[in-house]
Each structure stands twice: as C-alpha cells, then as structure tokens.
Amino acid sequence: MVSIVVPVYNMEKFLPRCMDTLVSQSSDYEIILVDDGSTDRSPELCDDYRQRYPSLVRVIHKRNSGLSSARNAGIEAAKGTYVIFPDPDDWVEPNYVSKMVEFQNYYQPDLLCVGYYVDTDGKCVPANEGQKTHYMDRAAAQQALFIPPKMGGFAWNKLYHLDMIREHNLHFLDDAGITEDLDFTFRYLLYCDTVCFVPGTRLYHYYQRSGAATHSEFSRKKIETIRTYEKIMENSADGKTVQAAKEEICNTAINLIWQCQNSNLQDKDALKKLQRYVSDYLRDYLKSEQYGKKRKLQAIMACYMPAVYALLKKCVIKGGE
C-alpha cells in the first residue's frame, strides 16, 4: 500500500482541486490529511473528505507547527509500504499512484522519482524535456539533485520506502528554511544504493502561485536554506555534489540579496551575512557550468555593490514589462 501524506495549512482555495485528483486514483493506497492548525475552512474540508471517503481518507488535526511537523505526523500515522508527499495546492495525474507502483515493481529502486509539469494560471510546461530514464547509484543521485538529469529535491515526485525512513529515524527538519524537501531527500539518499528517475513520465502538476512560500518576500528564515547546502557539503564524499552545493549557496545568497534590498526590513546584518556567503563561494560560482556570464556578473555585483545590483535588476525587470 502507498500512504499519501498531504500537509494542509489554510488551503481551502486549493485543497478541493488536489483532493479530487487524489481520491480518484487506482491501486492500493490511503490518504492522510494533516491539518496543521488551519484558521480557514481547511479543517472542515478535510473532515468532509473523510466522511465522503471513510475507507480511504484519514485526518489528523494538530496545532500549527509548520510543514515539517505536519509531514512528520503523517509519517508516524502511515500504514503503507511506501509514502509520497504531494502538496495541497498542486494536483496529480489519474495514474499518479498506479504508475509509481508499476515503476517501483519493475526497477526495484530504493528511491523512485518521476517527472512533472510546472503550472501557472496560464501555462503548463513539462519539466526535463528530452530526458531519458536514469538508473543511478548513490553518488549520481546526489549529483542529480542539482545538475542534469536534475531530478531535484522535491518530496512530491518521489516514492520513499517507509521502512527505510523509520529504520534510520528520518524526519523533515524545521531548520532547513524553505529546503526541507531537499534536506530530507539528501539524508534519505545516504542510505540508498539504487535510484530510478523517470522524467519522461510526468505525473505531478507543480503549481507556482504568487505568494507561495518559495516566492514570498524576504525573511531571515530563508537564510536557513543555505544550511541545507552546507550539510550536503559536509556529508557528501562526491566532488561534483560538493561543487554543486557551493554554487547553490552562492546562487541562493544572490537571490536573497535581491529580496533583502527590495524589502522594507532594512536588515543590514542579514545583508552582510549574505554578502559573505557570496564572497566565500564566488570563485566556485565563477567556475560553474550551469550559470552563464550574465548571472556571474550579477554575482560579482551582488557581492560588492548590492544596492547597485538591486537597482539595475529592478530597471531590467521594469524595462521588460
């Protein structure tokens, strides 16, 4: 059986779309809705789905403690052999569960990862176009979190073995900024021998909405994201993975400098900290094969002239409107 753990916090606008695609799946599965102290109608919606599908849906109501805590509550309650973690503002294809189980049975990997679409209100774009199926060892899978075939660290397109999670006492952490998915997946990969990535089979719709956690304004909590990459550097013996993590630290710091400069917080200490991160890994970033000359020039400006960098970028954005 597959356990589908859905963390829910103030998702009354999006939850029905997600759930209507989940309750229509085939295969043997259960849905665990974890209401993380929602203050809108989400708790009532969760209970409504439980009443309509009593043999399929279970609901956990808890005090608000964040996304990681909600997923951990779902892990503790799960009864399946495998577990997946779709987000409540996304939706899935009709064969999301059955196709994952089919691939799992065929390839027998320690971690299965499938393809996805990136959706906005006006577009649906397939990710990883032209990519073939990849059967990888641990080192290659760690690299693929960052570089092509780039399966990413998302939790929603991966089928995890529940016994591996429990055997190694793996949980989603609260100190990973907005990269709790990546942090969890990397730590899970430390115990994997085989990973299968099937990017051409797209089963998930990743909805990028304005105001979502990954796109909202600057906060100090986002700097914690960098700690995830530092832990990856500390725990990986693979040179390419370490290099990619260094590049991501620099790239994340550049993005946060832009957000910091455009926020109303005027957090000078946070800005200096981000500049130090860029400075520490700028040499690695300038050697990157992933980022082009224009982005590398932005890195230099963000490091030494953040105000000028933000002003020029704002002008470029305004000119493109």
Protein backbone atom coordinates (compact mmCIF):
# COMPACT_ATOMS: atom_id res chain seq x y z
CA MET A 1 0.00 0.00 0.00
CA VAL A 2 1.03 3.60 -0.66
CA SER A 3 0.47 6.25 2.01
CA ILE A 4 -0.20 9.71 0.59
CA VAL A 5 0.61 12.36 3.21
CA VAL A 6 -0.85 15.81 2.49
CA PRO A 7 0.10 18.68 4.86
CA VAL A 8 -2.68 21.27 4.99
CA TYR A 9 -2.48 24.83 6.28
CA ASN A 10 -5.06 27.40 5.13
CA MET A 11 -5.62 25.74 1.78
CA GLU A 12 -9.40 26.00 1.39
CA LYS A 13 -8.98 27.58 -2.06
CA PHE A 14 -6.77 24.81 -3.45
CA LEU A 15 -7.44 21.66 -1.44
CA PRO A 16 -10.55 20.50 -3.36
CA ARG A 17 -8.68 20.50 -6.67
CA CYS A 18 -5.84 18.49 -5.15
CA MET A 19 -8.10 16.04 -3.33
CA ASP A 20 -10.40 15.43 -6.28
CA THR A 21 -7.39 14.13 -8.21
CA LEU A 22 -6.15 12.05 -5.26
CA VAL A 23 -9.39 10.28 -4.37
CA SER A 24 -9.82 9.10 -7.97
CA GLN A 25 -6.55 7.12 -8.05
CA SER A 26 -6.40 3.39 -8.59
CA SER A 27 -4.09 0.92 -6.78
CA ASP A 28 -3.95 0.23 -3.03
CA TYR A 29 -3.44 3.48 -1.13
CA GLU A 30 -4.51 5.69 1.75
CA ILE A 31 -4.66 9.47 2.08
CA ILE A 32 -3.60 11.13 5.33
CA LEU A 33 -4.62 14.78 5.59
CA VAL A 34 -2.67 16.60 8.28
CA ASP A 35 -4.43 19.82 9.24
CA ASP A 36 -1.67 21.93 10.76
CA GLY A 37 -3.85 24.29 12.81
CA SER A 38 -5.56 25.95 9.84
CA THR A 39 -7.60 29.07 10.57
CA ASP A 40 -9.76 28.99 7.43
CA ARG A 41 -12.21 26.29 6.28
CA SER A 42 -9.49 23.72 5.62
CA PRO A 43 -10.31 21.63 8.75
CA GLU A 44 -13.96 21.32 7.65
CA LEU A 45 -12.90 20.38 4.11
CA CYS A 46 -10.59 17.69 5.47
CA ASP A 47 -13.37 16.24 7.61
CA ASP A 48 -15.75 16.38 4.67
CA TYR A 49 -13.42 14.25 2.54
CA ARG A 50 -13.03 11.82 5.43
CA GLN A 51 -16.80 11.47 5.67
CA ARG A 52 -17.19 11.01 1.92
CA TYR A 53 -14.33 8.50 1.63
CA PRO A 54 -14.15 6.84 5.07
CA SER A 55 -12.17 3.81 3.88
CA LEU A 56 -9.63 5.94 2.02
CA VAL A 57 -9.08 9.21 3.90
CA ARG A 58 -7.80 9.79 7.42
CA VAL A 59 -7.46 13.20 9.04
CA ILE A 60 -5.09 14.45 11.72
CA HIS A 61 -5.85 17.80 13.36
CA LYS A 62 -2.93 19.37 15.22
CA ARG A 63 -1.62 22.68 16.49
CA ASN A 64 0.21 24.77 13.95
CA SER A 65 3.87 23.75 13.93
CA GLY A 66 4.88 24.10 10.29
CA LEU A 67 5.20 22.00 7.17
CA SER A 68 7.90 19.66 8.51
CA SER A 69 5.93 18.88 11.64
CA ALA A 70 2.81 18.12 9.58
CA ARG A 71 4.64 15.71 7.32
CA ASN A 72 6.29 14.02 10.29
CA ALA A 73 2.86 13.47 11.85
CA GLY A 74 1.82 11.82 8.59
CA ILE A 75 4.88 9.57 8.60
CA GLU A 76 4.06 8.40 12.12
CA ALA A 77 0.47 7.59 11.15
CA ALA A 78 1.24 5.97 7.77
CA LYS A 79 0.44 2.29 7.27
CA GLY A 80 1.80 1.82 3.76
CA THR A 81 4.90 0.18 2.34
CA TYR A 82 5.70 3.41 0.52
CA VAL A 83 4.95 7.08 1.19
CA ILE A 84 4.63 10.15 -1.04
CA PHE A 85 4.13 13.81 -0.09
CA PRO A 86 2.01 15.86 -2.53
CA ASP A 87 1.36 19.50 -1.65
CA PRO A 88 -2.25 20.65 -1.22
CA ASP A 89 -2.02 23.46 -3.79
CA ASP A 90 -0.83 21.07 -6.53
CA TRP A 91 -2.62 18.24 -8.31
CA VAL A 92 -1.77 14.89 -9.90
CA GLU A 93 -2.47 12.79 -12.95
CA PRO A 94 -5.09 9.97 -12.72
CA ASN A 95 -2.32 7.32 -12.72
CA TYR A 96 -0.06 9.08 -10.19
CA VAL A 97 -0.10 6.19 -7.71
CA SER A 98 -0.51 3.20 -10.02
CA LYS A 99 2.31 4.29 -12.35
CA MET A 100 4.68 4.87 -9.44
CA VAL A 101 3.92 1.40 -8.10
CA GLU A 102 4.40 -0.06 -11.57
CA PHE A 103 7.83 1.54 -11.92
CA GLN A 104 8.76 0.55 -8.38
CA ASN A 105 7.90 -3.09 -9.05
CA TYR A 106 9.79 -3.08 -12.36
CA TYR A 107 13.00 -1.26 -11.38
CA GLN A 108 13.07 -2.14 -7.63
CA PRO A 109 14.95 1.04 -6.59
CA ASP A 110 15.47 2.36 -3.08
CA LEU A 111 14.02 5.65 -4.33
CA LEU A 112 11.78 6.24 -7.33
CA CYS A 113 11.40 9.69 -8.88
CA VAL A 114 9.01 10.67 -11.70
CA GLY A 115 8.58 13.67 -13.96
CA TYR A 116 6.28 16.64 -13.53
CA TYR A 117 4.72 19.74 -15.09
CA VAL A 118 5.24 23.31 -13.92
CA ASP A 119 1.86 25.05 -13.90
CA THR A 120 0.88 28.69 -13.57
CA ASP A 121 -2.55 30.20 -14.08
CA GLY A 122 -1.89 30.43 -17.81
CA LYS A 123 0.67 27.75 -18.68
CA CYS A 124 1.54 24.10 -18.23
CA VAL A 125 5.19 23.44 -19.03
CA PRO A 126 6.73 19.93 -18.99
CA ALA A 127 9.94 19.75 -16.95
CA ASN A 128 13.07 17.85 -18.08
CA GLU A 129 12.05 17.65 -21.72
CA GLY A 130 14.09 15.19 -23.76
CA GLN A 131 15.42 13.34 -20.71
CA LYS A 132 15.54 9.55 -20.71
CA THR A 133 15.12 7.20 -17.76
CA HIS A 134 18.13 7.17 -15.44
CA TYR A 135 19.07 4.31 -13.12
CA MET A 136 21.64 5.72 -10.70
CA ASP A 137 23.84 4.82 -7.77
CA ARG A 138 24.01 6.99 -4.66
CA ALA A 139 26.68 9.41 -5.91
CA ALA A 140 24.95 10.01 -9.24
CA ALA A 141 21.62 10.53 -7.47
CA GLN A 142 23.17 13.11 -5.14
CA GLN A 143 24.51 14.98 -8.16
CA ALA A 144 21.09 14.80 -9.83
CA LEU A 145 19.61 16.84 -7.00
CA PHE A 146 21.37 19.83 -8.61
CA ILE A 147 22.67 19.03 -12.09
CA PRO A 148 21.24 17.20 -15.13
CA PRO A 149 19.30 14.97 -15.22
CA LYS A 150 18.25 17.21 -12.28
CA MET A 151 15.51 15.29 -10.51
CA GLY A 152 15.54 17.98 -7.79
CA GLY A 153 14.94 17.60 -4.09
CA PHE A 154 11.15 17.81 -4.20
CA ALA A 155 9.26 15.40 -1.94
CA TRP A 156 6.14 15.27 -4.11
CA ASN A 157 7.52 13.38 -7.11
CA LYS A 158 9.32 10.66 -5.15
CA LEU A 159 8.23 7.30 -3.77
CA TYR A 160 10.01 6.64 -0.46
CA HIS A 161 10.24 3.31 1.38
CA LEU A 162 8.54 3.80 4.72
CA ASP A 163 10.65 1.12 6.40
CA MET A 164 13.86 2.94 5.37
CA ILE A 165 12.52 6.20 6.80
CA ARG A 166 11.68 4.55 10.10
CA GLU A 167 14.78 2.38 10.29
CA HIS A 168 17.04 5.43 10.02
CA ASN A 169 14.73 7.72 12.03
CA LEU A 170 14.42 10.22 9.21
CA HIS A 171 12.21 13.27 9.70
CA PHE A 172 11.64 16.57 7.99
CA LEU A 173 13.53 19.28 9.87
CA ASP A 174 12.40 22.76 10.93
CA ASP A 175 15.78 24.45 10.46
CA ALA A 176 16.08 23.95 6.69
CA GLY A 177 14.45 27.21 5.62
CA ILE A 178 12.40 26.50 2.50
CA THR A 179 14.53 23.49 1.53
CA GLU A 180 13.11 20.90 3.93
CA ASP A 181 12.33 18.67 0.92
CA LEU A 182 15.90 18.79 -0.38
CA ASP A 183 17.34 18.24 3.10
CA PHE A 184 15.12 15.20 3.69
CA THR A 185 15.81 13.69 0.25
CA PHE A 186 19.57 14.09 0.60
CA ARG A 187 19.59 12.38 4.01
CA TYR A 188 17.38 9.60 2.62
CA LEU A 189 19.81 9.12 -0.29
CA LEU A 190 22.63 8.42 2.16
CA TYR A 191 21.01 5.00 2.71
CA CYS A 192 20.15 4.29 -0.95
CA ASP A 193 22.06 2.00 -3.30
CA THR A 194 19.82 2.46 -6.34
CA VAL A 195 17.67 5.36 -7.55
CA CYS A 196 15.45 5.41 -10.62
CA PHE A 197 14.41 8.70 -12.26
CA VAL A 198 11.74 8.54 -14.98
CA PRO A 199 11.46 12.20 -16.09
CA GLY A 200 9.52 11.46 -19.28
CA THR A 201 6.55 10.12 -17.31
CA ARG A 202 5.04 13.28 -15.84
CA LEU A 203 2.54 12.51 -13.12
CA TYR A 204 2.54 15.68 -10.99
CA HIS A 205 1.44 19.29 -11.54
CA TYR A 206 3.62 21.72 -9.60
CA TYR A 207 1.57 24.90 -9.30
CA GLN A 208 3.58 28.09 -8.91
CA ARG A 209 1.26 30.64 -7.37
CA SER A 210 2.11 34.17 -6.32
CA GLY A 211 2.63 34.42 -2.57
CA ALA A 212 3.70 30.80 -2.13
CA ALA A 213 6.46 30.09 0.41
CA THR A 214 9.16 29.73 -2.23
CA HIS A 215 8.27 33.06 -3.90
CA SER A 216 7.26 35.30 -0.99
CA GLU A 217 9.22 38.29 0.31
CA PHE A 218 12.48 38.23 2.21
CA SER A 219 12.70 36.85 5.74
CA ARG A 220 15.64 35.77 7.88
CA LYS A 221 14.25 32.23 7.93
CA LYS A 222 15.11 31.93 4.24
CA ILE A 223 18.80 32.25 5.09
CA GLU A 224 18.45 28.90 6.90
CA THR A 225 18.08 27.43 3.40
CA ILE A 226 21.84 27.79 3.00
CA ARG A 227 22.42 25.47 5.96
CA THR A 228 20.96 22.62 3.90
CA TYR A 229 23.65 23.06 1.26
CA GLU A 230 26.33 23.28 3.93
CA LYS A 231 25.16 19.97 5.41
CA ILE A 232 25.27 18.40 1.96
CA MET A 233 28.87 19.58 1.56
CA GLU A 234 29.74 18.12 4.97
CA ASN A 235 28.12 14.73 4.33
CA SER A 236 28.88 14.04 0.68
CA ALA A 237 32.10 12.41 -0.48
CA ASP A 238 31.27 13.19 -4.11
CA GLY A 239 33.24 16.12 -5.56
CA LYS A 240 30.59 17.11 -8.11
CA THR A 241 27.89 17.19 -5.45
CA VAL A 242 30.05 19.37 -3.19
CA GLN A 243 30.81 21.75 -6.06
CA ALA A 244 27.11 21.97 -6.95
CA ALA A 245 26.22 22.69 -3.32
CA LYS A 246 28.76 25.54 -3.23
CA GLU A 247 27.22 27.01 -6.38
CA GLU A 248 23.74 26.75 -4.86
CA ILE A 249 24.87 28.58 -1.71
CA CYS A 250 26.14 31.43 -3.83
CA ASN A 251 23.07 31.42 -6.08
CA THR A 252 20.69 31.37 -3.10
CA ALA A 253 22.55 34.23 -1.43
CA ILE A 254 22.35 36.29 -4.64
CA ASN A 255 18.59 35.79 -4.81
CA LEU A 256 18.17 36.67 -1.13
CA ILE A 257 20.29 39.83 -1.52
CA TRP A 258 17.84 40.93 -4.20
CA GLN A 259 14.88 40.20 -1.92
CA CYS A 260 16.58 41.86 1.06
CA GLN A 261 17.34 45.02 -0.91
CA ASN A 262 13.71 45.21 -2.02
CA SER A 263 12.15 44.54 1.38
CA ASN A 264 11.03 47.06 3.97
CA LEU A 265 13.05 45.39 6.72
CA GLN A 266 16.37 47.16 6.05
CA ASP A 267 18.17 44.26 7.73
CA LYS A 268 21.83 45.28 7.42
CA ASP A 269 23.14 42.32 9.42
CA ALA A 270 21.32 39.86 7.16
CA LEU A 271 22.62 41.65 4.08
CA LYS A 272 26.22 41.46 5.31
CA LYS A 273 25.81 37.77 6.08
CA LEU A 274 24.51 37.10 2.57
CA GLN A 275 27.37 39.10 1.04
CA ARG A 276 29.85 36.94 2.99
CA TYR A 277 28.22 33.80 1.57
CA VAL A 278 28.60 35.13 -1.96
CA SER A 279 32.19 36.15 -1.28
CA ASP A 280 33.08 32.74 0.22
CA TYR A 281 31.82 30.80 -2.80
CA LEU A 282 32.20 33.34 -5.60
CA ARG A 283 35.27 31.64 -7.05
CA ASP A 284 33.37 28.33 -7.25
CA TYR A 285 30.39 30.10 -8.80
CA LEU A 286 32.51 31.73 -11.48
CA LYS A 287 33.72 28.24 -12.49
CA SER A 288 30.16 26.96 -12.80
CA GLU A 289 29.00 25.29 -16.00
CA GLN A 290 25.34 25.78 -15.01
CA TYR A 291 25.29 29.58 -14.90
CA GLY A 292 26.14 31.97 -17.73
CA LYS A 293 28.25 35.14 -17.90
CA LYS A 294 25.33 37.46 -17.16
CA ARG A 295 24.45 35.61 -13.95
CA LYS A 296 28.10 35.52 -12.88
CA LEU A 297 28.33 39.29 -13.37
CA GLN A 298 25.26 39.63 -11.16
CA ALA A 299 27.04 37.57 -8.52
CA ILE A 300 30.02 39.94 -8.50
CA MET A 301 27.76 42.98 -8.24
CA ALA A 302 25.61 41.41 -5.50
CA CYS A 303 28.76 40.67 -3.52
CA TYR A 304 30.43 44.06 -3.73
CA MET A 305 27.66 46.52 -4.76
CA PRO A 306 24.32 45.07 -3.62
CA ALA A 307 22.45 48.37 -3.88
CA VAL A 308 23.63 48.92 -7.45
CA TYR A 309 22.86 45.28 -8.31
CA ALA A 310 19.30 45.64 -6.99
CA LEU A 311 18.76 48.95 -8.80
CA LEU A 312 19.99 47.63 -12.14
CA LYS A 313 17.96 44.44 -11.83
CA LYS A 314 14.85 46.45 -10.99
CA CYS A 315 15.43 48.59 -14.11
CA VAL A 316 15.80 45.47 -16.25
CA ILE A 317 12.59 43.98 -14.86
CA LYS A 318 10.71 47.24 -15.32
CA GLY A 319 12.01 47.58 -18.88
CA GLY A 320 10.78 44.09 -19.73
CA GLU A 321 7.21 44.75 -18.59
